[in-house]
Structure formats: C-alpha cells, structure tokens
Amino acid sequence: MKPIYIRKETNNGIRKIMADMPYLVTYKKIRLPKWQWEEGLYVPYKPERTNVDFEKYFLQKDKIINEDEHHYFFNFPFKAEQFEPVAV
C-alpha cells in the first residue's frame, strides 16, 4: 500500500501528516496522535462516482470512534486505489 497523507490547508500551503501505515494496514483504522489533531484535517479520496475528481474526508471530532491516552482512532472507509497520489 502506498503512503497516505492526512492534509491541512494553511496560509502557507498544505501541511501533510503521514498516516500510521502499519496500524492502518493491520486494523483498517486511522490512528492519529492527539498532539497532531486539529480542526480542518482531511484525507483526499476519489469517490466511487465517476463524474467527481476528488473529495475531502474530514477527520472531525464526531468521527472519532475510539481514543486512548495518546491517540484518536478514525474509521477508514476507503480502498487504497481511491487515494490521491502525493508528491513529497
């Protein structure tokens, strides 16, 4: 699976946070450290509809399915081929 980046649009451009890939592949959930979470984080994806290029899946507080002392956990409702390729 190729790396997946969580993004945040800022005044200076787009900030990228690499998703925890071993956890994502094993459990099919996004694990994000609490210190990295902020409003406006999203994952760009290509929906199954053919007439749309990309949409943003926002990681909001109401989408948190679980949390521990250091991490938030979000569902991962996509296939790997639905993600936008990213140049690092």
N, C-alpha and C. Protein backbone atom coordinates (compact mmCIF):
# COMPACT_ATOMS: atom_id res chain seq x y z
N MET A 1 0.85 -1.18 0.00
CA MET A 1 0.00 0.00 0.00
C MET A 1 0.89 1.24 0.00
N LYS A 2 0.55 2.20 -0.84
CA LYS A 2 1.33 3.43 -0.91
C LYS A 2 1.04 4.30 0.31
N PRO A 3 1.95 5.20 0.67
CA PRO A 3 1.72 6.06 1.83
C PRO A 3 0.49 6.94 1.64
N ILE A 4 -0.22 7.16 2.72
CA ILE A 4 -1.40 8.01 2.72
C ILE A 4 -1.11 9.20 3.63
N TYR A 5 -1.42 10.39 3.13
CA TYR A 5 -1.16 11.60 3.89
C TYR A 5 -2.46 12.27 4.30
N ILE A 6 -2.51 12.67 5.56
CA ILE A 6 -3.60 13.49 6.07
C ILE A 6 -3.16 14.93 5.82
N ARG A 7 -4.07 15.76 5.38
CA ARG A 7 -3.69 17.12 4.98
C ARG A 7 -4.43 18.18 5.80
N LYS A 8 -3.81 19.35 5.81
CA LYS A 8 -4.39 20.52 6.48
C LYS A 8 -4.00 21.73 5.65
N GLU A 9 -5.00 22.47 5.17
CA GLU A 9 -4.72 23.69 4.41
C GLU A 9 -4.41 24.82 5.39
N THR A 10 -3.28 25.50 5.15
CA THR A 10 -2.85 26.61 6.00
C THR A 10 -2.62 27.83 5.11
N ASN A 11 -2.26 28.94 5.72
CA ASN A 11 -1.95 30.16 4.96
C ASN A 11 -0.73 29.97 4.08
N ASN A 12 0.18 29.10 4.47
CA ASN A 12 1.42 28.89 3.73
C ASN A 12 1.35 27.74 2.74
N GLY A 13 0.22 27.11 2.59
CA GLY A 13 0.09 25.97 1.67
C GLY A 13 -0.63 24.82 2.35
N ILE A 14 -0.23 23.62 1.99
CA ILE A 14 -0.85 22.42 2.56
C ILE A 14 0.17 21.67 3.40
N ARG A 15 -0.19 21.43 4.65
CA ARG A 15 0.67 20.64 5.55
C ARG A 15 0.24 19.19 5.44
N LYS A 16 1.21 18.27 5.35
CA LYS A 16 0.91 16.85 5.22
C LYS A 16 1.42 16.09 6.44
N ILE A 17 0.59 15.17 6.92
CA ILE A 17 0.95 14.28 8.03
C ILE A 17 0.81 12.86 7.50
N MET A 18 1.88 12.10 7.56
CA MET A 18 1.80 10.72 7.07
C MET A 18 1.01 9.86 8.06
N ALA A 19 0.06 9.11 7.52
CA ALA A 19 -0.74 8.21 8.36
C ALA A 19 0.14 7.07 8.88
N ASP A 20 -0.22 6.55 10.03
CA ASP A 20 0.48 5.41 10.63
C ASP A 20 0.16 4.17 9.78
N MET A 21 0.99 3.90 8.78
CA MET A 21 0.69 2.87 7.79
C MET A 21 0.63 1.45 8.37
N PRO A 22 1.55 1.03 9.26
CA PRO A 22 1.42 -0.33 9.81
C PRO A 22 0.09 -0.54 10.54
N TYR A 23 -0.35 0.44 11.30
CA TYR A 23 -1.64 0.32 12.00
C TYR A 23 -2.79 0.32 11.01
N LEU A 24 -2.71 1.17 10.00
CA LEU A 24 -3.77 1.27 9.00
C LEU A 24 -3.93 -0.04 8.24
N VAL A 25 -2.84 -0.63 7.81
CA VAL A 25 -2.90 -1.89 7.05
C VAL A 25 -3.43 -3.03 7.92
N THR A 26 -3.01 -3.07 9.17
CA THR A 26 -3.41 -4.16 10.07
C THR A 26 -4.86 -4.05 10.53
N TYR A 27 -5.29 -2.86 10.96
CA TYR A 27 -6.60 -2.71 11.59
C TYR A 27 -7.64 -1.96 10.75
N LYS A 28 -7.25 -1.42 9.60
CA LYS A 28 -8.16 -0.65 8.73
C LYS A 28 -8.76 0.55 9.45
N LYS A 29 -7.94 1.19 10.29
CA LYS A 29 -8.35 2.40 11.01
C LYS A 29 -7.19 3.39 10.97
N ILE A 30 -7.53 4.68 10.97
CA ILE A 30 -6.52 5.73 11.02
C ILE A 30 -6.22 5.99 12.49
N ARG A 31 -4.95 5.91 12.85
CA ARG A 31 -4.52 6.22 14.22
C ARG A 31 -3.72 7.52 14.16
N LEU A 32 -4.22 8.54 14.82
CA LEU A 32 -3.61 9.87 14.78
C LEU A 32 -3.24 10.30 16.19
N PRO A 33 -1.97 10.67 16.42
CA PRO A 33 -1.59 11.17 17.74
C PRO A 33 -2.41 12.40 18.11
N LYS A 34 -2.79 12.49 19.36
CA LYS A 34 -3.63 13.60 19.81
C LYS A 34 -2.97 14.95 19.57
N TRP A 35 -1.65 15.03 19.71
CA TRP A 35 -0.99 16.31 19.54
C TRP A 35 -0.99 16.77 18.08
N GLN A 36 -1.27 15.88 17.12
CA GLN A 36 -1.32 16.27 15.72
C GLN A 36 -2.72 16.62 15.25
N TRP A 37 -3.74 16.30 16.03
CA TRP A 37 -5.11 16.57 15.60
C TRP A 37 -5.43 18.05 15.73
N GLU A 38 -6.13 18.59 14.74
CA GLU A 38 -6.66 19.95 14.78
C GLU A 38 -7.82 20.03 13.80
N GLU A 39 -8.63 21.06 13.92
CA GLU A 39 -9.76 21.25 13.00
C GLU A 39 -9.23 21.41 11.58
N GLY A 40 -9.93 20.84 10.63
CA GLY A 40 -9.59 21.02 9.23
C GLY A 40 -8.73 19.93 8.63
N LEU A 41 -8.36 18.89 9.38
CA LEU A 41 -7.59 17.78 8.81
C LEU A 41 -8.49 16.96 7.90
N TYR A 42 -7.95 16.56 6.75
CA TYR A 42 -8.75 15.77 5.81
C TYR A 42 -7.87 14.80 5.04
N VAL A 43 -8.52 13.83 4.44
CA VAL A 43 -7.87 12.87 3.55
C VAL A 43 -8.56 13.01 2.19
N PRO A 44 -7.81 13.36 1.12
CA PRO A 44 -8.43 13.44 -0.21
C PRO A 44 -8.64 12.04 -0.79
N TYR A 45 -9.80 11.81 -1.37
CA TYR A 45 -10.09 10.49 -1.94
C TYR A 45 -10.96 10.65 -3.18
N LYS A 46 -10.94 9.65 -4.02
CA LYS A 46 -11.77 9.63 -5.22
C LYS A 46 -13.00 8.78 -4.92
N PRO A 47 -14.18 9.41 -4.93
CA PRO A 47 -15.39 8.63 -4.64
C PRO A 47 -15.69 7.65 -5.77
N GLU A 48 -16.58 6.73 -5.51
CA GLU A 48 -16.93 5.71 -6.49
C GLU A 48 -17.66 6.31 -7.69
N ARG A 49 -18.23 7.51 -7.52
CA ARG A 49 -18.89 8.18 -8.64
C ARG A 49 -17.84 8.59 -9.67
N THR A 50 -18.12 8.45 -10.93
CA THR A 50 -17.12 8.72 -11.97
C THR A 50 -17.03 10.19 -12.37
N ASN A 51 -18.03 11.00 -12.06
CA ASN A 51 -18.02 12.39 -12.50
C ASN A 51 -17.35 13.35 -11.51
N VAL A 52 -16.74 12.85 -10.46
CA VAL A 52 -16.10 13.68 -9.45
C VAL A 52 -14.62 13.33 -9.39
N ASP A 53 -13.75 14.37 -9.37
CA ASP A 53 -12.31 14.11 -9.28
C ASP A 53 -11.94 13.62 -7.88
N PHE A 54 -11.90 14.53 -6.92
CA PHE A 54 -11.56 14.17 -5.56
C PHE A 54 -12.45 14.90 -4.58
N GLU A 55 -12.71 14.27 -3.44
CA GLU A 55 -13.44 14.88 -2.34
C GLU A 55 -12.57 14.82 -1.10
N LYS A 56 -12.96 15.54 -0.07
CA LYS A 56 -12.21 15.57 1.18
C LYS A 56 -13.00 14.84 2.27
N TYR A 57 -12.34 13.88 2.93
CA TYR A 57 -12.92 13.19 4.07
C TYR A 57 -12.32 13.84 5.31
N PHE A 58 -13.10 14.68 6.00
CA PHE A 58 -12.60 15.42 7.15
C PHE A 58 -12.57 14.55 8.40
N LEU A 59 -11.48 14.65 9.15
CA LEU A 59 -11.32 13.92 10.41
C LEU A 59 -11.79 14.84 11.54
N GLN A 60 -13.09 14.81 11.79
CA GLN A 60 -13.69 15.68 12.79
C GLN A 60 -13.86 14.93 14.11
N LYS A 61 -14.10 15.69 15.16
CA LYS A 61 -14.29 15.08 16.49
C LYS A 61 -15.44 14.08 16.50
N ASP A 62 -16.50 14.33 15.74
CA ASP A 62 -17.64 13.40 15.75
C ASP A 62 -17.35 12.11 14.99
N LYS A 63 -16.24 12.04 14.26
CA LYS A 63 -15.87 10.81 13.55
C LYS A 63 -14.88 9.95 14.33
N ILE A 64 -14.49 10.40 15.52
CA ILE A 64 -13.59 9.62 16.36
C ILE A 64 -14.37 8.41 16.88
N ILE A 65 -13.85 7.21 16.60
CA ILE A 65 -14.55 6.00 17.05
C ILE A 65 -14.01 5.48 18.37
N ASN A 66 -12.77 5.87 18.69
CA ASN A 66 -12.15 5.40 19.92
C ASN A 66 -10.98 6.33 20.22
N GLU A 67 -10.53 6.34 21.46
CA GLU A 67 -9.33 7.08 21.81
C GLU A 67 -8.66 6.41 23.00
N ASP A 68 -7.36 6.58 23.06
CA ASP A 68 -6.62 6.12 24.23
C ASP A 68 -5.88 7.34 24.78
N GLU A 69 -4.90 7.11 25.62
CA GLU A 69 -4.20 8.21 26.26
C GLU A 69 -3.48 9.11 25.26
N HIS A 70 -3.01 8.54 24.15
CA HIS A 70 -2.18 9.31 23.22
C HIS A 70 -2.72 9.42 21.80
N HIS A 71 -3.76 8.69 21.43
CA HIS A 71 -4.22 8.64 20.04
C HIS A 71 -5.73 8.78 19.90
N TYR A 72 -6.12 9.28 18.72
CA TYR A 72 -7.51 9.22 18.26
C TYR A 72 -7.57 8.18 17.16
N PHE A 73 -8.70 7.49 17.06
CA PHE A 73 -8.88 6.46 16.03
C PHE A 73 -10.10 6.81 15.18
N PHE A 74 -9.92 6.72 13.86
CA PHE A 74 -10.97 7.03 12.90
C PHE A 74 -11.18 5.83 11.99
N ASN A 75 -12.43 5.64 11.52
CA ASN A 75 -12.68 4.60 10.52
C ASN A 75 -11.96 4.93 9.23
N PHE A 76 -11.69 3.92 8.46
CA PHE A 76 -11.01 4.05 7.17
C PHE A 76 -11.92 3.42 6.11
N PRO A 77 -12.91 4.17 5.60
CA PRO A 77 -13.92 3.57 4.72
C PRO A 77 -13.56 3.56 3.24
N PHE A 78 -12.28 3.45 2.90
CA PHE A 78 -11.86 3.54 1.50
C PHE A 78 -11.00 2.36 1.09
N LYS A 79 -10.82 2.23 -0.21
CA LYS A 79 -9.86 1.29 -0.78
C LYS A 79 -8.58 2.07 -1.09
N ALA A 80 -7.46 1.39 -1.14
CA ALA A 80 -6.18 2.06 -1.37
C ALA A 80 -6.14 2.80 -2.70
N GLU A 81 -6.79 2.27 -3.72
CA GLU A 81 -6.75 2.91 -5.04
C GLU A 81 -7.61 4.17 -5.12
N GLN A 82 -8.36 4.50 -4.09
CA GLN A 82 -9.19 5.70 -4.08
C GLN A 82 -8.43 6.94 -3.65
N PHE A 83 -7.18 6.82 -3.25
CA PHE A 83 -6.46 7.97 -2.72
C PHE A 83 -5.70 8.72 -3.79
N GLU A 84 -5.61 10.03 -3.56
CA GLU A 84 -4.89 10.89 -4.48
C GLU A 84 -3.39 10.67 -4.31
N PRO A 85 -2.65 10.48 -5.41
CA PRO A 85 -1.20 10.34 -5.28
C PRO A 85 -0.59 11.65 -4.81
N VAL A 86 0.46 11.56 -4.00
CA VAL A 86 1.07 12.74 -3.40
C VAL A 86 2.55 12.77 -3.72
N ALA A 87 3.02 13.93 -4.15
CA ALA A 87 4.46 14.14 -4.32
C ALA A 87 5.00 14.68 -3.01
N VAL A 88 6.07 14.09 -2.52
CA VAL A 88 6.64 14.51 -1.24
C VAL A 88 7.77 15.46 -1.48
